[in-house]
């Protein structure tokens, strides 16, 4: 049972999102859809379920998409961070602007995490013990490399040190969800512009990190407690984390779905085979020849027929799915999207996408992208090695499941285009017919194949006439 009540939360959502390109070129990272719901909305709804009344969101000047996706939720307050100076600066600015009536403890949530509500529950339950001035979610590293994250050492629920991009000597990484008391304020005021809690030889950027603030508190013998999550949580930092967060969320939502939720004015054919529960929005149809392997979440006015759909699939509003296509498990398909003509799809498909005519697609496909006939995405290297993706000039080694295509918004592919594992294609770009894409394509480019032709005489004479 939760005894401590926290009325105020700050969501820090003003970051640039450089590492998640090509999607941050056109969409603020907190507005990227996970399970057909913006990242930031997952946190807002979880906080509201916990009874948090005052939600402040720190945004950049160009964050209209965030406001759009939250426009139906009343009483959210926005604070603009004019320059992306870091999370410590964002929280300091937010506290100064929202000082009245916010209480003496607050949630602070990073705007790019997708977390089950139960993790926030646990954080709050631990904070009710009242022995620490900071409580943070600490995710066990397991097989992850510590030098990819800002990490900490957790001993008996106490955070003994914070070390950014560590080589060793840490047990957990920072999970992006915190509860602070007012004791953090003087440390925020003197947080330096570079993180100093780093291994020798590591080169930090000029940025005010909230983790550096907490590390300073630890140095001053303040109590900082770490709380391990009990459910899924994903820091959506790089393109493949969109796939990870989407799959984790849909699995979580599927576990919680214990009954059918069917709106009025829907139609479900007697010739459809459904093995699981259905969430079906008003005006939607599941027609004959449809096989649903497990739970499915469908929005309004969507038409599904003559296709195979895997377990825990989400489909948005006003979409058309059919004509013998296949949707794999844990896939999200956005609103106003068409998947037809024997296409095979897996991953995250954003709003307004068209995929048909024997295409085979795995990865993240940006908004209003048109996939040409027989476009194929390779998802396995010939040497069976994990995909290799370069992020901000650094070669990354993500998990094998990351080996899809990452196609930005408003792109097109031509007939028989082939995209190799892990390739990123910038927004407003075109991959021409027959092109094999081995390397990333920047935004606003068209890639065409050169063809050398040889023309020789031919005719009936060649057949002995």
Foldseek 3Di string as FASTA:
>chain_A
DFDDAFQEAEEEQADQQQQAPPASVPARLQQDDFLQAGLQVLVVVLVVVSVHNAYEYEHEPPHVSVCVRCVVPPRYHYDYDDDQQEDLVSVLSVCVVPVPPRDFKYKYAYSQKRDDSQQVVQQSRVCVVVQAQKEFEWEFCVPHQQLVAFFFAADPQWTQAIEHNARDDGGTGTQGMMMGGPVLNVLSVPQAQFQPRYDPPDDTDRHRYVNSSVRVCSVVVGTYGYDYGPADMFRCRYQLSSQVSNLRVLVVVQVVDDAAAEDPQEEEDPQEAEDEHEDEEHQEYEDHLEYEAYYEYEYHNEYHYNEYEYYREYEYYCEYHHAHAYEYPSEYAEHCEYEHAHEYEYGYHYAQEYHHAHEYFYGYAEYNEYEEHNEYEAQADPVRAADWEAGPNRIDRDDSSQFGEAEYHQEYEYHNEYEYTPEYEHHCEYEYHPHYHDHHHHYNYYDDDDDDDDDDDDDCVVVVD
